[in-house]
N, C-alpha and C. Protein backbone atom coordinates (compact mmCIF):
# COMPACT_ATOMS: atom_id res chain seq x y z
N MET A 1 -133.86 -7.80 -104.17
CA MET A 1 -133.92 -7.41 -102.80
C MET A 1 -135.35 -6.88 -102.55
N GLN A 2 -135.84 -7.16 -101.44
CA GLN A 2 -137.16 -6.71 -101.03
C GLN A 2 -137.12 -5.20 -100.99
N GLY A 3 -138.12 -4.52 -101.52
CA GLY A 3 -138.21 -3.11 -101.59
C GLY A 3 -138.80 -2.39 -100.41
N THR A 4 -139.77 -3.07 -99.78
CA THR A 4 -140.43 -2.51 -98.63
C THR A 4 -140.63 -3.55 -97.52
N PHE A 5 -140.27 -3.12 -96.35
CA PHE A 5 -140.52 -4.01 -95.16
C PHE A 5 -141.52 -3.35 -94.26
N ASN A 6 -142.41 -4.18 -93.65
CA ASN A 6 -143.20 -3.60 -92.65
C ASN A 6 -142.56 -3.76 -91.28
N ALA A 7 -143.04 -3.05 -90.33
CA ALA A 7 -142.42 -3.05 -89.00
C ALA A 7 -142.37 -4.41 -88.35
N ASN A 8 -143.43 -5.20 -88.68
CA ASN A 8 -143.43 -6.58 -88.18
C ASN A 8 -142.26 -7.37 -88.64
N GLU A 9 -141.79 -7.19 -89.83
CA GLU A 9 -140.63 -7.86 -90.39
C GLU A 9 -139.34 -7.39 -89.66
N VAL A 10 -139.30 -6.09 -89.50
CA VAL A 10 -138.13 -5.58 -88.77
C VAL A 10 -138.00 -6.02 -87.36
N PHE A 11 -139.17 -6.09 -86.66
CA PHE A 11 -139.18 -6.64 -85.33
C PHE A 11 -138.78 -8.14 -85.29
N GLN A 12 -139.14 -8.91 -86.29
CA GLN A 12 -138.67 -10.27 -86.39
C GLN A 12 -137.15 -10.35 -86.42
N MET A 13 -136.62 -9.48 -87.27
CA MET A 13 -135.19 -9.43 -87.42
C MET A 13 -134.55 -9.02 -86.04
N ALA A 14 -135.12 -8.02 -85.43
CA ALA A 14 -134.56 -7.60 -84.05
C ALA A 14 -134.63 -8.74 -83.09
N ILE A 15 -135.69 -9.50 -83.12
CA ILE A 15 -135.85 -10.64 -82.13
C ILE A 15 -134.77 -11.64 -82.38
N GLU A 16 -134.53 -12.02 -83.68
CA GLU A 16 -133.46 -12.92 -84.03
C GLU A 16 -132.09 -12.46 -83.63
N ILE A 17 -131.83 -11.17 -83.86
CA ILE A 17 -130.51 -10.61 -83.45
C ILE A 17 -130.37 -10.64 -81.95
N GLU A 18 -131.39 -10.31 -81.17
CA GLU A 18 -131.27 -10.35 -79.75
C GLU A 18 -131.05 -11.74 -79.20
N LYS A 19 -131.68 -12.77 -79.91
CA LYS A 19 -131.42 -14.21 -79.50
C LYS A 19 -129.97 -14.54 -79.71
N ARG A 20 -129.47 -14.10 -80.81
CA ARG A 20 -127.99 -14.34 -81.08
C ARG A 20 -127.11 -13.67 -80.17
N GLY A 21 -127.51 -12.43 -79.77
CA GLY A 21 -126.74 -11.73 -78.72
C GLY A 21 -126.66 -12.44 -77.40
N ALA A 22 -127.84 -12.94 -77.03
CA ALA A 22 -127.93 -13.64 -75.76
C ALA A 22 -127.00 -14.89 -75.80
N ALA A 23 -127.14 -15.62 -76.89
CA ALA A 23 -126.27 -16.85 -77.08
C ALA A 23 -124.81 -16.48 -77.05
N PHE A 24 -124.41 -15.40 -77.75
CA PHE A 24 -123.08 -14.89 -77.77
C PHE A 24 -122.48 -14.70 -76.36
N TYR A 25 -123.23 -14.00 -75.51
CA TYR A 25 -122.71 -13.74 -74.19
C TYR A 25 -122.71 -14.96 -73.25
N ARG A 26 -123.79 -15.82 -73.49
CA ARG A 26 -123.81 -17.03 -72.77
C ARG A 26 -122.59 -17.90 -73.05
N ALA A 27 -122.28 -18.08 -74.32
CA ALA A 27 -121.14 -18.85 -74.76
C ALA A 27 -119.82 -18.27 -74.18
N ALA A 28 -119.72 -17.01 -74.17
CA ALA A 28 -118.50 -16.31 -73.69
C ALA A 28 -118.43 -16.59 -72.18
N SER A 29 -119.53 -16.51 -71.41
CA SER A 29 -119.50 -16.71 -69.92
C SER A 29 -119.02 -18.13 -69.59
N ASP A 30 -119.32 -19.09 -70.45
CA ASP A 30 -118.94 -20.42 -70.17
C ASP A 30 -117.37 -20.61 -70.26
N CYS A 31 -116.72 -19.65 -70.74
CA CYS A 31 -115.28 -19.83 -70.99
C CYS A 31 -114.46 -19.14 -69.81
N TYR A 32 -115.14 -18.60 -68.87
CA TYR A 32 -114.42 -17.93 -67.73
C TYR A 32 -114.69 -18.63 -66.47
N ASP A 33 -113.71 -18.69 -65.58
CA ASP A 33 -113.93 -19.29 -64.22
C ASP A 33 -114.15 -18.10 -63.17
N ASP A 34 -113.68 -16.95 -63.53
CA ASP A 34 -113.81 -15.76 -62.56
C ASP A 34 -115.31 -15.47 -62.44
N PRO A 35 -115.83 -15.50 -61.19
CA PRO A 35 -117.27 -15.31 -60.96
C PRO A 35 -117.75 -13.91 -61.36
N LYS A 36 -116.87 -12.89 -61.26
CA LYS A 36 -117.29 -11.53 -61.64
C LYS A 36 -117.47 -11.47 -63.17
N ILE A 37 -116.52 -12.09 -63.88
CA ILE A 37 -116.67 -12.04 -65.32
C ILE A 37 -117.85 -12.85 -65.81
N LYS A 38 -118.04 -13.99 -65.20
CA LYS A 38 -119.17 -14.80 -65.48
C LYS A 38 -120.53 -14.01 -65.27
N ALA A 39 -120.48 -13.40 -64.11
CA ALA A 39 -121.74 -12.59 -63.76
C ALA A 39 -121.97 -11.45 -64.77
N LEU A 40 -120.92 -10.78 -65.15
CA LEU A 40 -120.98 -9.67 -66.09
C LEU A 40 -121.54 -10.22 -67.43
N LEU A 41 -121.01 -11.33 -67.94
CA LEU A 41 -121.45 -11.81 -69.28
C LEU A 41 -122.84 -12.45 -69.21
N LYS A 42 -123.13 -13.07 -68.06
CA LYS A 42 -124.54 -13.57 -67.93
C LYS A 42 -125.57 -12.36 -67.86
N GLY A 43 -125.12 -11.35 -67.17
CA GLY A 43 -125.98 -10.13 -67.14
C GLY A 43 -126.20 -9.51 -68.51
N LEU A 44 -125.22 -9.49 -69.35
CA LEU A 44 -125.33 -9.04 -70.68
C LEU A 44 -126.24 -9.91 -71.46
N SER A 45 -126.18 -11.25 -71.26
CA SER A 45 -127.06 -12.15 -71.95
C SER A 45 -128.48 -11.88 -71.55
N GLU A 46 -128.68 -11.68 -70.25
CA GLU A 46 -130.04 -11.37 -69.72
C GLU A 46 -130.58 -10.06 -70.37
N MET A 47 -129.73 -9.04 -70.53
CA MET A 47 -130.20 -7.85 -71.17
C MET A 47 -130.62 -8.11 -72.58
N GLU A 48 -129.91 -8.96 -73.34
CA GLU A 48 -130.32 -9.28 -74.65
C GLU A 48 -131.62 -10.01 -74.61
N LEU A 49 -131.83 -10.89 -73.70
CA LEU A 49 -133.16 -11.60 -73.55
C LEU A 49 -134.30 -10.64 -73.24
N GLU A 50 -133.98 -9.71 -72.46
CA GLU A 50 -135.03 -8.63 -72.09
C GLU A 50 -135.38 -7.81 -73.40
N HIS A 51 -134.36 -7.45 -74.11
CA HIS A 51 -134.64 -6.79 -75.42
C HIS A 51 -135.52 -7.61 -76.35
N GLU A 52 -135.11 -8.91 -76.44
CA GLU A 52 -135.98 -9.88 -77.26
C GLU A 52 -137.40 -9.84 -76.72
N LYS A 53 -137.65 -9.88 -75.47
CA LYS A 53 -139.02 -9.91 -74.98
C LYS A 53 -139.65 -8.57 -75.29
N GLU A 54 -139.00 -7.50 -75.11
CA GLU A 54 -139.56 -6.19 -75.42
C GLU A 54 -139.96 -6.06 -76.82
N PHE A 55 -139.05 -6.46 -77.72
CA PHE A 55 -139.32 -6.41 -79.21
C PHE A 55 -140.45 -7.32 -79.51
N ALA A 56 -140.57 -8.45 -78.87
CA ALA A 56 -141.66 -9.40 -79.20
C ALA A 56 -143.00 -8.80 -78.70
N SER A 57 -143.01 -8.08 -77.57
CA SER A 57 -144.15 -7.46 -77.07
C SER A 57 -144.53 -6.29 -77.98
N LEU A 58 -143.63 -5.50 -78.36
CA LEU A 58 -143.91 -4.40 -79.29
C LEU A 58 -144.51 -4.94 -80.61
N ARG A 59 -143.90 -6.01 -81.10
CA ARG A 59 -144.36 -6.66 -82.32
C ARG A 59 -145.78 -7.04 -82.15
N GLU A 60 -146.10 -7.69 -81.09
CA GLU A 60 -147.41 -8.26 -80.75
C GLU A 60 -148.44 -7.12 -80.69
N SER A 61 -148.13 -6.12 -79.89
CA SER A 61 -149.10 -4.97 -79.74
C SER A 61 -149.27 -4.18 -81.01
N MET A 62 -148.25 -4.07 -81.81
CA MET A 62 -148.42 -3.27 -83.05
C MET A 62 -149.20 -4.07 -84.10
N THR A 63 -149.09 -5.34 -84.11
CA THR A 63 -149.69 -6.16 -85.17
C THR A 63 -151.06 -6.66 -84.83
N GLN A 64 -151.51 -6.62 -83.61
CA GLN A 64 -152.85 -7.12 -83.33
C GLN A 64 -153.87 -6.35 -84.09
N GLY A 65 -154.61 -6.97 -84.89
CA GLY A 65 -155.67 -6.34 -85.66
C GLY A 65 -155.17 -5.49 -86.80
N SER A 66 -153.81 -5.48 -87.06
CA SER A 66 -153.30 -4.61 -88.05
C SER A 66 -153.34 -5.26 -89.42
N ALA A 67 -153.63 -4.48 -90.48
CA ALA A 67 -153.60 -4.94 -91.83
C ALA A 67 -152.18 -5.36 -92.18
N TYR A 68 -151.16 -4.90 -91.48
CA TYR A 68 -149.79 -5.16 -91.84
C TYR A 68 -149.08 -6.25 -91.01
N ALA A 69 -149.95 -7.06 -90.33
CA ALA A 69 -149.36 -8.02 -89.45
C ALA A 69 -148.46 -9.02 -90.10
N ASN A 70 -148.70 -9.44 -91.27
CA ASN A 70 -147.89 -10.42 -91.94
C ASN A 70 -147.27 -9.87 -93.25
N GLY A 71 -147.79 -8.72 -93.71
CA GLY A 71 -147.26 -8.19 -94.98
C GLY A 71 -147.62 -9.08 -96.13
N TYR A 72 -147.17 -8.75 -97.30
CA TYR A 72 -147.44 -9.60 -98.48
C TYR A 72 -146.12 -10.15 -98.96
N ASP A 73 -146.02 -11.51 -98.86
CA ASP A 73 -144.83 -12.22 -99.27
C ASP A 73 -145.15 -13.59 -99.77
N PRO A 74 -145.88 -13.63 -100.92
CA PRO A 74 -146.37 -14.97 -101.33
C PRO A 74 -145.29 -15.96 -101.69
N ASP A 75 -144.13 -15.47 -102.15
CA ASP A 75 -143.02 -16.37 -102.55
C ASP A 75 -141.94 -16.50 -101.50
N GLY A 76 -142.23 -15.92 -100.29
CA GLY A 76 -141.22 -16.07 -99.21
C GLY A 76 -139.91 -15.22 -99.41
N VAL A 77 -140.01 -14.31 -100.35
CA VAL A 77 -138.76 -13.48 -100.70
C VAL A 77 -138.34 -12.67 -99.53
N ALA A 78 -139.37 -11.99 -98.84
CA ALA A 78 -138.99 -11.12 -97.77
C ALA A 78 -138.44 -11.95 -96.55
N ALA A 79 -139.05 -13.08 -96.33
CA ALA A 79 -138.55 -13.92 -95.26
C ALA A 79 -137.11 -14.43 -95.51
N ALA A 80 -136.88 -14.76 -96.80
CA ALA A 80 -135.48 -15.20 -97.14
C ALA A 80 -134.56 -14.08 -97.04
N TYR A 81 -134.87 -12.92 -97.38
CA TYR A 81 -134.00 -11.78 -97.33
C TYR A 81 -133.70 -11.42 -95.88
N LEU A 82 -134.75 -11.42 -95.01
CA LEU A 82 -134.54 -11.18 -93.61
C LEU A 82 -133.69 -12.18 -92.98
N GLY A 83 -133.80 -13.45 -93.40
CA GLY A 83 -132.97 -14.53 -92.87
C GLY A 83 -131.54 -14.28 -93.24
N SER A 84 -131.28 -13.84 -94.45
CA SER A 84 -129.91 -13.61 -94.87
C SER A 84 -129.29 -12.45 -94.08
N LEU A 85 -130.09 -11.45 -93.81
CA LEU A 85 -129.59 -10.29 -92.97
C LEU A 85 -129.23 -10.69 -91.59
N THR A 86 -130.00 -11.72 -90.99
CA THR A 86 -129.76 -12.03 -89.62
C THR A 86 -128.94 -13.35 -89.47
N SER A 87 -128.46 -13.82 -90.56
CA SER A 87 -127.76 -15.15 -90.53
C SER A 87 -126.39 -15.20 -89.89
N GLY A 88 -125.90 -14.07 -89.44
CA GLY A 88 -124.62 -14.12 -88.81
C GLY A 88 -123.84 -12.83 -88.92
N GLU A 89 -124.35 -11.84 -89.61
CA GLU A 89 -123.64 -10.62 -89.77
C GLU A 89 -123.61 -9.92 -88.44
N VAL A 90 -124.64 -10.06 -87.62
CA VAL A 90 -124.65 -9.45 -86.29
C VAL A 90 -124.66 -10.65 -85.27
N PHE A 91 -123.71 -10.61 -84.32
CA PHE A 91 -123.51 -11.70 -83.36
C PHE A 91 -123.36 -13.00 -84.14
N ASP A 92 -122.29 -13.23 -84.85
CA ASP A 92 -122.03 -14.31 -85.61
C ASP A 92 -122.04 -15.67 -84.82
N ARG A 93 -122.93 -16.61 -85.27
CA ARG A 93 -123.14 -17.81 -84.51
C ARG A 93 -121.93 -18.72 -84.48
N SER A 94 -120.95 -18.47 -85.38
CA SER A 94 -119.83 -19.38 -85.51
C SER A 94 -118.69 -18.94 -84.58
N LEU A 95 -118.83 -17.82 -83.83
CA LEU A 95 -117.75 -17.43 -82.95
C LEU A 95 -117.61 -18.54 -81.89
N VAL A 96 -116.31 -18.89 -81.70
CA VAL A 96 -115.94 -19.88 -80.73
C VAL A 96 -115.11 -19.20 -79.66
N PHE A 97 -115.40 -19.38 -78.38
CA PHE A 97 -114.66 -18.83 -77.31
C PHE A 97 -113.78 -19.86 -76.69
N THR A 98 -112.48 -19.61 -76.76
CA THR A 98 -111.49 -20.60 -76.23
C THR A 98 -111.24 -20.36 -74.72
N GLY A 99 -111.56 -19.15 -74.21
CA GLY A 99 -111.26 -18.83 -72.86
C GLY A 99 -110.00 -18.05 -72.85
N SER A 100 -109.26 -17.94 -73.91
CA SER A 100 -108.02 -17.08 -73.94
C SER A 100 -108.31 -15.64 -74.23
N GLU A 101 -109.52 -15.34 -74.70
CA GLU A 101 -109.96 -14.05 -75.00
C GLU A 101 -110.16 -13.28 -73.63
N THR A 102 -109.76 -12.00 -73.64
CA THR A 102 -110.06 -11.20 -72.46
C THR A 102 -111.49 -10.77 -72.43
N VAL A 103 -112.02 -10.40 -71.33
CA VAL A 103 -113.37 -10.00 -71.23
C VAL A 103 -113.54 -8.67 -72.05
N GLU A 104 -112.44 -7.84 -72.08
CA GLU A 104 -112.44 -6.66 -72.87
C GLU A 104 -112.65 -6.98 -74.39
N GLU A 105 -112.01 -8.06 -74.89
CA GLU A 105 -112.20 -8.41 -76.26
C GLU A 105 -113.64 -8.90 -76.55
N VAL A 106 -114.19 -9.60 -75.55
CA VAL A 106 -115.67 -10.06 -75.70
C VAL A 106 -116.57 -8.80 -75.71
N LEU A 107 -116.34 -7.86 -74.83
CA LEU A 107 -117.16 -6.64 -74.80
C LEU A 107 -116.95 -5.75 -76.12
N ARG A 108 -115.74 -5.74 -76.59
CA ARG A 108 -115.50 -5.04 -77.92
C ARG A 108 -116.27 -5.71 -79.06
N LYS A 109 -116.31 -7.05 -79.07
CA LYS A 109 -117.09 -7.77 -80.10
C LYS A 109 -118.56 -7.47 -79.91
N GLY A 110 -119.09 -7.41 -78.70
CA GLY A 110 -120.43 -7.01 -78.40
C GLY A 110 -120.72 -5.65 -78.89
N ILE A 111 -119.79 -4.68 -78.59
CA ILE A 111 -120.04 -3.25 -79.03
C ILE A 111 -120.06 -3.27 -80.55
N GLU A 112 -119.15 -3.97 -81.25
CA GLU A 112 -119.18 -3.93 -82.69
C GLU A 112 -120.49 -4.56 -83.20
N ALA A 113 -120.97 -5.60 -82.57
CA ALA A 113 -122.28 -6.16 -83.01
C ALA A 113 -123.38 -5.21 -82.79
N GLU A 114 -123.39 -4.49 -81.68
CA GLU A 114 -124.45 -3.48 -81.46
C GLU A 114 -124.37 -2.38 -82.47
N LYS A 115 -123.23 -1.93 -82.82
CA LYS A 115 -123.04 -0.87 -83.86
C LYS A 115 -123.62 -1.37 -85.16
N ASN A 116 -123.26 -2.69 -85.49
CA ASN A 116 -123.79 -3.24 -86.77
C ASN A 116 -125.30 -3.29 -86.82
N SER A 117 -125.91 -3.60 -85.64
CA SER A 117 -127.35 -3.75 -85.58
C SER A 117 -127.98 -2.33 -85.73
N ILE A 118 -127.38 -1.29 -85.14
CA ILE A 118 -127.90 0.04 -85.28
C ILE A 118 -127.81 0.47 -86.71
N VAL A 119 -126.67 0.13 -87.42
CA VAL A 119 -126.59 0.49 -88.84
C VAL A 119 -127.63 -0.27 -89.67
N LEU A 120 -127.83 -1.54 -89.36
CA LEU A 120 -128.84 -2.33 -90.03
C LEU A 120 -130.23 -1.75 -89.92
N TYR A 121 -130.61 -1.40 -88.68
CA TYR A 121 -131.94 -0.90 -88.43
C TYR A 121 -132.12 0.49 -89.00
N THR A 122 -131.04 1.28 -88.93
CA THR A 122 -131.14 2.58 -89.57
C THR A 122 -131.33 2.49 -91.08
N GLY A 123 -130.63 1.58 -91.70
CA GLY A 123 -130.88 1.35 -93.18
C GLY A 123 -132.29 0.91 -93.45
N LEU A 124 -132.78 -0.07 -92.64
CA LEU A 124 -134.09 -0.61 -92.84
C LEU A 124 -135.19 0.47 -92.61
N LYS A 125 -134.89 1.34 -91.72
CA LYS A 125 -135.94 2.40 -91.44
C LYS A 125 -136.28 3.12 -92.70
N GLY A 126 -135.31 3.28 -93.56
CA GLY A 126 -135.63 3.99 -94.84
C GLY A 126 -136.56 3.26 -95.78
N VAL A 127 -136.75 1.93 -95.61
CA VAL A 127 -137.59 1.22 -96.45
C VAL A 127 -138.91 0.73 -95.78
N VAL A 128 -139.06 1.23 -94.50
CA VAL A 128 -140.35 0.96 -93.85
C VAL A 128 -141.19 2.21 -93.91
N PRO A 129 -142.27 2.19 -94.66
CA PRO A 129 -143.13 3.34 -94.74
C PRO A 129 -143.74 3.72 -93.41
N ASP A 130 -144.11 4.99 -93.26
CA ASP A 130 -144.76 5.49 -92.02
C ASP A 130 -145.91 4.63 -91.62
N GLU A 131 -146.74 4.31 -92.55
CA GLU A 131 -147.95 3.55 -92.23
C GLU A 131 -147.69 2.12 -91.94
N LEU A 132 -146.52 1.64 -92.15
CA LEU A 132 -146.14 0.27 -91.80
C LEU A 132 -145.34 0.18 -90.50
N GLY A 133 -145.11 1.32 -89.80
CA GLY A 133 -144.49 1.36 -88.52
C GLY A 133 -143.14 1.84 -88.40
N ARG A 134 -142.75 2.86 -89.20
CA ARG A 134 -141.36 3.43 -89.16
C ARG A 134 -141.02 3.87 -87.78
N ASP A 135 -141.99 4.42 -86.98
CA ASP A 135 -141.69 4.89 -85.61
C ASP A 135 -141.28 3.69 -84.68
N LYS A 136 -141.79 2.50 -84.97
CA LYS A 136 -141.41 1.34 -84.17
C LYS A 136 -139.91 0.99 -84.43
N VAL A 137 -139.45 1.19 -85.67
CA VAL A 137 -138.08 0.85 -85.96
C VAL A 137 -137.16 1.91 -85.24
N ASP A 138 -137.64 3.16 -85.11
CA ASP A 138 -136.95 4.23 -84.36
C ASP A 138 -136.76 3.78 -82.85
N ARG A 139 -137.78 3.09 -82.34
CA ARG A 139 -137.69 2.57 -80.97
C ARG A 139 -136.65 1.49 -80.87
N ILE A 140 -136.54 0.59 -81.82
CA ILE A 140 -135.49 -0.42 -81.86
C ILE A 140 -134.13 0.22 -81.81
N ILE A 141 -133.94 1.23 -82.63
CA ILE A 141 -132.63 1.93 -82.71
C ILE A 141 -132.27 2.58 -81.34
N ARG A 142 -133.24 3.24 -80.72
CA ARG A 142 -133.02 3.86 -79.48
C ARG A 142 -132.63 2.83 -78.43
N GLU A 143 -133.27 1.66 -78.44
CA GLU A 143 -132.95 0.56 -77.47
C GLU A 143 -131.52 0.05 -77.70
N GLU A 144 -131.12 -0.12 -78.93
CA GLU A 144 -129.80 -0.59 -79.28
C GLU A 144 -128.74 0.46 -78.85
N MET A 145 -129.07 1.71 -79.09
CA MET A 145 -128.12 2.78 -78.62
C MET A 145 -127.91 2.73 -77.12
N LYS A 146 -128.98 2.51 -76.37
CA LYS A 146 -128.90 2.38 -74.91
C LYS A 146 -127.94 1.18 -74.57
N HIS A 147 -128.20 0.08 -75.25
CA HIS A 147 -127.42 -1.11 -74.95
C HIS A 147 -125.95 -0.89 -75.27
N LEU A 148 -125.62 -0.22 -76.38
CA LEU A 148 -124.30 0.16 -76.73
C LEU A 148 -123.67 1.00 -75.66
N ALA A 149 -124.39 1.94 -75.13
CA ALA A 149 -123.86 2.85 -74.04
C ALA A 149 -123.51 2.02 -72.78
N VAL A 150 -124.41 1.06 -72.49
CA VAL A 150 -124.12 0.16 -71.28
C VAL A 150 -122.89 -0.65 -71.58
N LEU A 151 -122.70 -1.23 -72.74
CA LEU A 151 -121.51 -2.00 -73.01
C LEU A 151 -120.29 -1.10 -72.88
N ALA A 152 -120.33 0.07 -73.53
CA ALA A 152 -119.13 0.94 -73.53
C ALA A 152 -118.80 1.31 -72.06
N GLU A 153 -119.78 1.55 -71.25
CA GLU A 153 -119.51 1.96 -69.85
C GLU A 153 -118.89 0.74 -69.05
N ARG A 154 -119.37 -0.41 -69.34
CA ARG A 154 -118.85 -1.60 -68.69
C ARG A 154 -117.36 -1.90 -69.19
N LEU A 155 -117.08 -1.56 -70.38
CA LEU A 155 -115.73 -1.71 -70.95
C LEU A 155 -114.82 -0.67 -70.25
N ARG A 156 -115.28 0.55 -70.11
CA ARG A 156 -114.52 1.62 -69.48
C ARG A 156 -114.24 1.20 -67.99
N SER A 157 -115.26 0.68 -67.31
CA SER A 157 -115.10 0.36 -65.92
C SER A 157 -114.04 -0.74 -65.70
N LEU A 158 -113.91 -1.69 -66.69
CA LEU A 158 -112.95 -2.75 -66.62
C LEU A 158 -111.54 -2.20 -66.81
N LYS A 159 -111.46 -1.20 -67.59
CA LYS A 159 -110.10 -0.56 -67.91
C LYS A 159 -109.62 0.24 -66.69
N GLY A 160 -110.49 0.59 -65.80
CA GLY A 160 -110.19 1.32 -64.61
C GLY A 160 -110.15 2.73 -64.76
């Protein structure tokens, strides 16, 4: 297992997770005819895309001219490890929506995925040294916590 990650690597993971999140909500929205549900799920997909853009921007601004832009990974071990972490544990790509799922079930799956991403980033924070951008990982965690709160509020509002 990779012993140290730089913030650039963590941001790459965050970007991949956000892409999967957007695809998750897009796929779910395609299974519903109700315009309100479609709009809700498309809105969640857009939020994921906004997070992806924000993380890409943070990654770019952090790594411009930085000695840690690419890290040291001559054998591709870090890249392989990051790929395994983002290969489906958060927003599983194999999820299939039949349309029989309730929107509440979809939101619960989204909440679970957000929780998993927070746990992942919190764990990775411990292996990102201060000088490699640990504070940037904190920002990812805060963003995911905000997203989790939005999802939970939307779930509560659907319950009435």
